[in-house]
Amino acid sequence: MFSVDRLIRLVVEEGLNQLPYKECMVTTPTGYKYEGMKFEKGNCCVSIMRSGEAMEQVLQDCHQSICIGKILIQSEETQRAKVYYAKFPPDIYWRKVLLMYPILSTGNTVIEAVKVLIEHGVQPSVIILLSLFSTPHGAKSIIQEFPEITI
């Protein structure tokens, strides 16, 4: 379990490194002033249920105030992905989005999730896909459909 949590944390931290931040002055409990950094406003996460939820706790450990949306997409026997549930922050259209889906096989589920995000006003260029494992075919399918996405 430790190894999985560590791998998830590395991927989440790299995704967070891609988000915009700004410099700020922080006063420590001892009164020392330190020049640090904080995230700019307008970041959120969308986990593709159910496997994406495995990454949520690590994300919240790293960034406690991030908004989290959820989407449930399942593939039927026809390999066609179908959306069953989607709940996002109401202002998701102006946010940077971390899309969490740990195991990427065909890419169909992620492609469908991105289409739903686009329907809600999100530009593909502000989507960062966080995935632990991927097949070459899955990654290629997503990039062919949405070349602006960061994986």
N, C-alpha and C. Protein backbone atom coordinates (compact mmCIF):
# COMPACT_ATOMS: atom_id res chain seq x y z
N MET A 1 0.82 -1.19 0.00
CA MET A 1 0.00 0.00 0.00
C MET A 1 0.87 1.26 0.00
N PHE A 2 1.97 1.21 0.74
CA PHE A 2 2.86 2.36 0.80
C PHE A 2 3.38 2.72 -0.59
N SER A 3 3.75 1.71 -1.39
CA SER A 3 4.30 1.96 -2.72
C SER A 3 3.27 2.63 -3.62
N VAL A 4 2.02 2.19 -3.55
CA VAL A 4 0.96 2.78 -4.37
C VAL A 4 0.73 4.23 -3.97
N ASP A 5 0.63 4.48 -2.67
CA ASP A 5 0.43 5.85 -2.20
C ASP A 5 1.59 6.75 -2.62
N ARG A 6 2.78 6.22 -2.56
CA ARG A 6 3.96 7.01 -2.96
C ARG A 6 3.91 7.33 -4.45
N LEU A 7 3.55 6.35 -5.27
CA LEU A 7 3.45 6.58 -6.71
C LEU A 7 2.37 7.61 -7.02
N ILE A 8 1.21 7.47 -6.37
CA ILE A 8 0.13 8.45 -6.57
C ILE A 8 0.60 9.84 -6.16
N ARG A 9 1.31 9.93 -5.04
CA ARG A 9 1.78 11.24 -4.57
C ARG A 9 2.74 11.87 -5.58
N LEU A 10 3.64 11.08 -6.15
CA LEU A 10 4.57 11.62 -7.15
C LEU A 10 3.83 12.17 -8.36
N VAL A 11 2.82 11.44 -8.83
CA VAL A 11 2.05 11.88 -9.99
C VAL A 11 1.24 13.13 -9.65
N VAL A 12 0.60 13.14 -8.49
CA VAL A 12 -0.19 14.30 -8.07
C VAL A 12 0.71 15.53 -7.90
N GLU A 13 1.86 15.36 -7.28
CA GLU A 13 2.78 16.49 -7.09
C GLU A 13 3.24 17.05 -8.43
N GLU A 14 3.50 16.18 -9.39
CA GLU A 14 3.91 16.66 -10.71
C GLU A 14 2.77 17.42 -11.38
N GLY A 15 1.55 16.92 -11.23
CA GLY A 15 0.39 17.65 -11.76
C GLY A 15 0.24 19.02 -11.11
N LEU A 16 0.42 19.08 -9.80
CA LEU A 16 0.33 20.37 -9.10
C LEU A 16 1.44 21.31 -9.54
N ASN A 17 2.60 20.78 -9.90
CA ASN A 17 3.70 21.61 -10.40
C ASN A 17 3.34 22.30 -11.71
N GLN A 18 2.38 21.76 -12.44
CA GLN A 18 1.97 22.33 -13.72
C GLN A 18 0.98 23.49 -13.54
N LEU A 19 0.44 23.65 -12.34
CA LEU A 19 -0.56 24.70 -12.09
C LEU A 19 0.13 26.04 -11.85
N PRO A 20 -0.55 27.14 -12.20
CA PRO A 20 0.05 28.46 -12.00
C PRO A 20 0.12 28.83 -10.51
N TYR A 21 1.18 29.52 -10.14
CA TYR A 21 1.37 29.95 -8.76
C TYR A 21 1.93 31.37 -8.76
N LYS A 22 1.91 31.99 -7.59
CA LYS A 22 2.48 33.32 -7.45
C LYS A 22 3.28 33.39 -6.16
N GLU A 23 4.20 34.34 -6.13
CA GLU A 23 5.02 34.52 -4.93
C GLU A 23 4.22 35.25 -3.86
N CYS A 24 4.52 34.93 -2.61
CA CYS A 24 3.84 35.58 -1.49
C CYS A 24 4.78 35.60 -0.29
N MET A 25 4.50 36.48 0.65
CA MET A 25 5.29 36.57 1.87
C MET A 25 4.56 35.82 2.98
N VAL A 26 5.28 34.94 3.66
CA VAL A 26 4.70 34.12 4.72
C VAL A 26 5.45 34.44 6.01
N THR A 27 4.71 34.61 7.10
CA THR A 27 5.32 34.80 8.41
C THR A 27 5.21 33.49 9.17
N THR A 28 6.34 32.95 9.58
CA THR A 28 6.36 31.68 10.31
C THR A 28 5.90 31.90 11.75
N PRO A 29 5.59 30.84 12.48
CA PRO A 29 5.17 30.98 13.89
C PRO A 29 6.22 31.67 14.77
N THR A 30 7.48 31.63 14.36
CA THR A 30 8.53 32.29 15.15
C THR A 30 8.73 33.75 14.73
N GLY A 31 7.91 34.23 13.79
CA GLY A 31 8.00 35.62 13.36
C GLY A 31 8.91 35.86 12.17
N TYR A 32 9.56 34.84 11.67
CA TYR A 32 10.46 34.98 10.53
C TYR A 32 9.65 35.15 9.26
N LYS A 33 10.05 36.10 8.43
CA LYS A 33 9.37 36.31 7.15
C LYS A 33 10.07 35.47 6.08
N TYR A 34 9.26 34.78 5.31
CA TYR A 34 9.79 33.88 4.29
C TYR A 34 9.06 34.15 2.98
N GLU A 35 9.82 34.25 1.90
CA GLU A 35 9.20 34.44 0.59
C GLU A 35 8.88 33.07 0.02
N GLY A 36 7.61 32.79 -0.08
CA GLY A 36 7.15 31.49 -0.57
C GLY A 36 6.31 31.63 -1.82
N MET A 37 5.57 30.57 -2.10
CA MET A 37 4.70 30.55 -3.27
C MET A 37 3.37 29.95 -2.87
N LYS A 38 2.32 30.39 -3.57
CA LYS A 38 1.01 29.78 -3.36
C LYS A 38 0.32 29.68 -4.72
N PHE A 39 -0.61 28.74 -4.79
CA PHE A 39 -1.33 28.55 -6.04
C PHE A 39 -2.21 29.75 -6.32
N GLU A 40 -2.31 30.10 -7.60
CA GLU A 40 -3.27 31.12 -7.99
C GLU A 40 -4.66 30.52 -7.87
N LYS A 41 -5.63 31.38 -7.77
CA LYS A 41 -7.02 30.90 -7.68
C LYS A 41 -7.41 30.30 -9.03
N GLY A 42 -8.36 29.38 -8.97
CA GLY A 42 -8.89 28.84 -10.21
C GLY A 42 -8.39 27.47 -10.57
N ASN A 43 -8.04 26.65 -9.59
CA ASN A 43 -7.65 25.27 -9.86
C ASN A 43 -8.71 24.34 -9.31
N CYS A 44 -8.92 23.23 -9.98
CA CYS A 44 -9.82 22.22 -9.45
C CYS A 44 -9.40 20.85 -9.96
N CYS A 45 -10.05 19.86 -9.44
CA CYS A 45 -9.75 18.48 -9.81
C CYS A 45 -11.07 17.81 -10.18
N VAL A 46 -11.01 16.91 -11.14
CA VAL A 46 -12.16 16.06 -11.47
C VAL A 46 -11.66 14.63 -11.46
N SER A 47 -12.26 13.81 -10.61
CA SER A 47 -11.88 12.40 -10.59
C SER A 47 -12.91 11.60 -11.37
N ILE A 48 -12.40 10.72 -12.21
CA ILE A 48 -13.28 9.82 -12.96
C ILE A 48 -13.55 8.65 -12.04
N MET A 49 -14.81 8.54 -11.62
CA MET A 49 -15.20 7.51 -10.66
C MET A 49 -15.11 6.14 -11.32
N ARG A 50 -14.80 5.19 -10.65
CA ARG A 50 -14.48 4.99 -9.28
C ARG A 50 -12.97 4.98 -9.06
N SER A 51 -12.20 4.62 -10.03
CA SER A 51 -10.76 4.49 -9.80
C SER A 51 -10.07 5.83 -9.52
N GLY A 52 -10.56 6.91 -10.10
CA GLY A 52 -9.95 8.21 -9.87
C GLY A 52 -10.04 8.67 -8.43
N GLU A 53 -11.04 8.14 -7.71
CA GLU A 53 -11.20 8.53 -6.31
C GLU A 53 -10.04 8.04 -5.45
N ALA A 54 -9.31 7.04 -5.91
CA ALA A 54 -8.15 6.55 -5.16
C ALA A 54 -7.07 7.62 -5.05
N MET A 55 -7.08 8.60 -5.94
CA MET A 55 -6.07 9.64 -5.94
C MET A 55 -6.49 10.88 -5.15
N GLU A 56 -7.76 10.96 -4.76
CA GLU A 56 -8.28 12.17 -4.11
C GLU A 56 -7.63 12.48 -2.77
N GLN A 57 -7.45 11.47 -1.93
CA GLN A 57 -6.90 11.72 -0.60
C GLN A 57 -5.49 12.29 -0.68
N VAL A 58 -4.69 11.75 -1.58
CA VAL A 58 -3.32 12.26 -1.74
C VAL A 58 -3.37 13.70 -2.24
N LEU A 59 -4.27 13.98 -3.17
CA LEU A 59 -4.40 15.35 -3.67
C LEU A 59 -4.79 16.30 -2.54
N GLN A 60 -5.74 15.90 -1.72
CA GLN A 60 -6.17 16.76 -0.61
C GLN A 60 -5.08 16.90 0.44
N ASP A 61 -4.23 15.89 0.60
CA ASP A 61 -3.09 16.02 1.51
C ASP A 61 -2.11 17.08 1.01
N CYS A 62 -1.96 17.18 -0.31
CA CYS A 62 -1.03 18.13 -0.90
C CYS A 62 -1.63 19.53 -1.06
N HIS A 63 -2.92 19.60 -1.33
CA HIS A 63 -3.60 20.88 -1.62
C HIS A 63 -4.99 20.82 -0.99
N GLN A 64 -5.08 21.21 0.27
CA GLN A 64 -6.30 21.02 1.06
C GLN A 64 -7.50 21.79 0.54
N SER A 65 -7.30 22.91 -0.10
CA SER A 65 -8.43 23.76 -0.48
C SER A 65 -8.91 23.55 -1.91
N ILE A 66 -8.38 22.58 -2.61
CA ILE A 66 -8.77 22.39 -4.01
C ILE A 66 -10.20 21.85 -4.11
N CYS A 67 -10.95 22.38 -5.08
CA CYS A 67 -12.32 21.91 -5.33
C CYS A 67 -12.24 20.60 -6.11
N ILE A 68 -13.14 19.68 -5.79
CA ILE A 68 -13.14 18.39 -6.47
C ILE A 68 -14.50 18.13 -7.09
N GLY A 69 -14.48 17.80 -8.38
CA GLY A 69 -15.67 17.38 -9.09
C GLY A 69 -15.57 15.89 -9.38
N LYS A 70 -16.68 15.31 -9.81
CA LYS A 70 -16.69 13.87 -10.08
C LYS A 70 -17.47 13.60 -11.35
N ILE A 71 -17.05 12.54 -12.03
CA ILE A 71 -17.76 12.09 -13.21
C ILE A 71 -17.72 10.56 -13.23
N LEU A 72 -18.85 9.95 -13.52
CA LEU A 72 -18.94 8.49 -13.61
C LEU A 72 -19.20 8.12 -15.06
N ILE A 73 -18.26 7.40 -15.64
CA ILE A 73 -18.37 6.95 -17.02
C ILE A 73 -18.08 5.46 -17.03
N GLN A 74 -18.94 4.71 -17.68
CA GLN A 74 -18.72 3.27 -17.79
C GLN A 74 -18.84 2.85 -19.24
N SER A 75 -18.05 1.86 -19.60
CA SER A 75 -18.10 1.32 -20.96
C SER A 75 -19.03 0.13 -20.99
N GLU A 76 -19.83 0.09 -22.02
CA GLU A 76 -20.74 -1.04 -22.19
C GLU A 76 -20.04 -2.11 -23.01
N GLU A 77 -20.76 -3.16 -23.34
CA GLU A 77 -20.19 -4.26 -24.13
C GLU A 77 -19.68 -3.76 -25.48
N THR A 78 -20.27 -2.68 -25.98
CA THR A 78 -19.89 -2.14 -27.29
C THR A 78 -18.61 -1.31 -27.23
N GLN A 79 -18.01 -1.21 -26.05
CA GLN A 79 -16.81 -0.38 -25.81
C GLN A 79 -17.12 1.10 -25.96
N ARG A 80 -18.39 1.46 -25.97
CA ARG A 80 -18.79 2.86 -26.04
C ARG A 80 -18.94 3.39 -24.62
N ALA A 81 -18.24 4.45 -24.32
CA ALA A 81 -18.29 5.03 -22.98
C ALA A 81 -19.58 5.85 -22.82
N LYS A 82 -20.22 5.70 -21.67
CA LYS A 82 -21.47 6.41 -21.40
C LYS A 82 -21.36 7.13 -20.06
N VAL A 83 -21.80 8.39 -20.04
CA VAL A 83 -21.76 9.20 -18.82
C VAL A 83 -23.02 8.91 -18.00
N TYR A 84 -22.82 8.54 -16.73
CA TYR A 84 -23.93 8.28 -15.83
C TYR A 84 -24.11 9.39 -14.80
N TYR A 85 -23.04 10.11 -14.49
CA TYR A 85 -23.10 11.13 -13.44
C TYR A 85 -21.98 12.13 -13.68
N ALA A 86 -22.28 13.41 -13.48
CA ALA A 86 -21.25 14.45 -13.58
C ALA A 86 -21.62 15.59 -12.64
N LYS A 87 -20.72 15.93 -11.74
CA LYS A 87 -20.92 17.05 -10.81
C LYS A 87 -19.60 17.81 -10.72
N PHE A 88 -19.65 19.07 -11.14
CA PHE A 88 -18.45 19.90 -11.18
C PHE A 88 -18.69 21.19 -10.39
N PRO A 89 -17.59 21.88 -10.03
CA PRO A 89 -17.77 23.22 -9.45
C PRO A 89 -18.52 24.09 -10.47
N PRO A 90 -19.41 24.96 -10.02
CA PRO A 90 -20.23 25.74 -10.96
C PRO A 90 -19.42 26.64 -11.89
N ASP A 91 -18.23 27.05 -11.46
CA ASP A 91 -17.40 27.94 -12.27
C ASP A 91 -16.22 27.20 -12.91
N ILE A 92 -16.41 25.94 -13.23
CA ILE A 92 -15.31 25.13 -13.76
C ILE A 92 -14.78 25.66 -15.09
N TYR A 93 -15.60 26.39 -15.82
CA TYR A 93 -15.21 26.88 -17.14
C TYR A 93 -14.02 27.83 -17.12
N TRP A 94 -13.70 28.44 -15.99
CA TRP A 94 -12.53 29.32 -15.93
C TRP A 94 -11.38 28.75 -15.09
N ARG A 95 -11.48 27.50 -14.71
CA ARG A 95 -10.46 26.87 -13.86
C ARG A 95 -9.50 26.00 -14.67
N LYS A 96 -8.31 25.80 -14.11
CA LYS A 96 -7.41 24.74 -14.59
C LYS A 96 -7.91 23.45 -13.97
N VAL A 97 -7.91 22.37 -14.73
CA VAL A 97 -8.52 21.12 -14.27
C VAL A 97 -7.48 19.99 -14.25
N LEU A 98 -7.32 19.37 -13.08
CA LEU A 98 -6.55 18.13 -12.98
C LEU A 98 -7.57 17.00 -13.13
N LEU A 99 -7.45 16.22 -14.19
CA LEU A 99 -8.36 15.11 -14.45
C LEU A 99 -7.66 13.83 -13.99
N MET A 100 -8.24 13.14 -13.01
CA MET A 100 -7.58 11.98 -12.40
C MET A 100 -8.22 10.67 -12.85
N TYR A 101 -7.38 9.82 -13.44
CA TYR A 101 -7.81 8.50 -13.89
C TYR A 101 -6.57 7.61 -13.87
N PRO A 102 -6.39 6.78 -12.85
CA PRO A 102 -5.11 6.10 -12.64
C PRO A 102 -4.68 5.09 -13.70
N ILE A 103 -5.62 4.35 -14.27
CA ILE A 103 -5.23 3.30 -15.22
C ILE A 103 -5.92 3.55 -16.55
N LEU A 104 -5.14 3.90 -17.54
CA LEU A 104 -5.64 4.29 -18.85
C LEU A 104 -5.39 3.16 -19.84
N SER A 105 -6.46 2.57 -20.37
CA SER A 105 -6.26 1.48 -21.33
C SER A 105 -6.57 1.94 -22.75
N THR A 106 -7.85 2.05 -23.11
CA THR A 106 -8.19 2.45 -24.49
C THR A 106 -8.22 3.96 -24.67
N GLY A 107 -8.45 4.68 -23.61
CA GLY A 107 -8.57 6.14 -23.70
C GLY A 107 -10.00 6.61 -23.89
N ASN A 108 -10.94 5.69 -24.14
CA ASN A 108 -12.33 6.06 -24.41
C ASN A 108 -12.97 6.80 -23.23
N THR A 109 -12.71 6.34 -22.03
CA THR A 109 -13.31 6.96 -20.85
C THR A 109 -12.81 8.39 -20.68
N VAL A 110 -11.52 8.59 -20.83
CA VAL A 110 -10.95 9.94 -20.69
C VAL A 110 -11.46 10.84 -21.81
N ILE A 111 -11.53 10.34 -23.02
CA ILE A 111 -12.03 11.14 -24.14
C ILE A 111 -13.46 11.59 -23.86
N GLU A 112 -14.28 10.70 -23.36
CA GLU A 112 -15.67 11.06 -23.04
C GLU A 112 -15.71 12.08 -21.90
N ALA A 113 -14.85 11.92 -20.90
CA ALA A 113 -14.79 12.88 -19.79
C ALA A 113 -14.40 14.27 -20.30
N VAL A 114 -13.43 14.33 -21.19
CA VAL A 114 -13.00 15.62 -21.75
C VAL A 114 -14.14 16.25 -22.55
N LYS A 115 -14.88 15.45 -23.28
CA LYS A 115 -16.03 15.99 -24.03
C LYS A 115 -17.06 16.61 -23.09
N VAL A 116 -17.31 15.96 -21.96
CA VAL A 116 -18.25 16.51 -20.97
C VAL A 116 -17.69 17.81 -20.38
N LEU A 117 -16.40 17.84 -20.09
CA LEU A 117 -15.79 19.08 -19.58
C LEU A 117 -15.91 20.21 -20.61
N ILE A 118 -15.71 19.89 -21.88
CA ILE A 118 -15.85 20.90 -22.93
C ILE A 118 -17.29 21.42 -22.98
N GLU A 119 -18.26 20.52 -22.82
CA GLU A 119 -19.66 20.94 -22.78
C GLU A 119 -19.93 21.91 -21.63
N HIS A 120 -19.13 21.82 -20.58
CA HIS A 120 -19.26 22.72 -19.43
C HIS A 120 -18.36 23.95 -19.56
N GLY A 121 -17.79 24.16 -20.74
CA GLY A 121 -17.01 25.37 -21.01
C GLY A 121 -15.53 25.29 -20.76
N VAL A 122 -15.01 24.12 -20.41
CA VAL A 122 -13.58 23.96 -20.14
C VAL A 122 -12.83 23.80 -21.46
N GLN A 123 -11.75 24.54 -21.62
CA GLN A 123 -10.91 24.41 -22.81
C GLN A 123 -9.95 23.24 -22.61
N PRO A 124 -9.73 22.41 -23.64
CA PRO A 124 -8.80 21.27 -23.49
C PRO A 124 -7.39 21.69 -23.07
N SER A 125 -6.98 22.89 -23.42
CA SER A 125 -5.62 23.34 -23.10
C SER A 125 -5.39 23.54 -21.60
N VAL A 126 -6.46 23.61 -20.79
CA VAL A 126 -6.29 23.79 -19.35
C VAL A 126 -6.51 22.48 -18.58
N ILE A 127 -6.60 21.37 -19.30
CA ILE A 127 -6.80 20.07 -18.66
C ILE A 127 -5.45 19.36 -18.54
N ILE A 128 -5.16 18.87 -17.35
CA ILE A 128 -3.96 18.09 -17.08
C ILE A 128 -4.41 16.71 -16.62
N LEU A 129 -4.09 15.69 -17.39
CA LEU A 129 -4.49 14.32 -17.06
C LEU A 129 -3.45 13.69 -16.13
N LEU A 130 -3.91 13.21 -14.98
CA LEU A 130 -3.04 12.51 -14.03
C LEU A 130 -3.37 11.03 -14.11
N SER A 131 -2.41 10.24 -14.54
CA SER A 131 -2.61 8.80 -14.69
C SER A 131 -1.34 8.08 -14.25
N LEU A 132 -1.52 6.94 -13.59
CA LEU A 132 -0.37 6.17 -13.12
C LEU A 132 0.18 5.26 -14.20
N PHE A 133 -0.72 4.60 -14.92
CA PHE A 133 -0.33 3.64 -15.95
C PHE A 133 -1.13 3.91 -17.21
N SER A 134 -0.51 3.70 -18.36
CA SER A 134 -1.19 3.93 -19.62
C SER A 134 -0.65 2.99 -20.69
N THR A 135 -1.54 2.57 -21.57
CA THR A 135 -1.08 1.84 -22.75
C THR A 135 -0.70 2.88 -23.79
N PRO A 136 0.22 2.54 -24.69
CA PRO A 136 0.55 3.49 -25.76
C PRO A 136 -0.68 3.86 -26.59
N HIS A 137 -1.54 2.87 -26.85
CA HIS A 137 -2.75 3.12 -27.64
C HIS A 137 -3.67 4.13 -26.95
N GLY A 138 -3.85 3.99 -25.65
CA GLY A 138 -4.72 4.90 -24.90
C GLY A 138 -4.21 6.33 -24.94
N ALA A 139 -2.92 6.51 -24.67
CA ALA A 139 -2.34 7.85 -24.69
C ALA A 139 -2.42 8.46 -26.09
N LYS A 140 -2.16 7.65 -27.10
CA LYS A 140 -2.21 8.12 -28.49
C LYS A 140 -3.63 8.54 -28.87
N SER A 141 -4.62 7.76 -28.45
CA SER A 141 -6.02 8.09 -28.75
C SER A 141 -6.40 9.45 -28.18
N ILE A 142 -5.99 9.69 -26.94
CA ILE A 142 -6.33 10.96 -26.29
C ILE A 142 -5.64 12.13 -27.00
N ILE A 143 -4.37 11.97 -27.30
CA ILE A 143 -3.61 13.04 -27.95
C ILE A 143 -4.14 13.32 -29.35
N GLN A 144 -4.55 12.27 -30.07
CA GLN A 144 -5.12 12.48 -31.40
C GLN A 144 -6.44 13.25 -31.33
N GLU A 145 -7.25 12.94 -30.34
CA GLU A 145 -8.55 13.60 -30.19
C GLU A 145 -8.41 15.01 -29.62
N PHE A 146 -7.52 15.17 -28.64
CA PHE A 146 -7.33 16.46 -27.96
C PHE A 146 -5.84 16.74 -27.79
N PRO A 147 -5.17 17.24 -28.82
CA PRO A 147 -3.72 17.45 -28.74
C PRO A 147 -3.29 18.51 -27.72
N GLU A 148 -4.22 19.33 -27.25
CA GLU A 148 -3.87 20.41 -26.31
C GLU A 148 -3.74 19.92 -24.87
N ILE A 149 -4.23 18.73 -24.58
CA ILE A 149 -4.22 18.21 -23.20
C ILE A 149 -2.79 17.89 -22.76
N THR A 150 -2.50 18.15 -21.50
CA THR A 150 -1.22 17.76 -20.90
C THR A 150 -1.41 16.42 -20.19
N ILE A 151 -0.56 15.46 -20.52
CA ILE A 151 -0.61 14.15 -19.85
C ILE A 151 0.64 14.01 -19.01
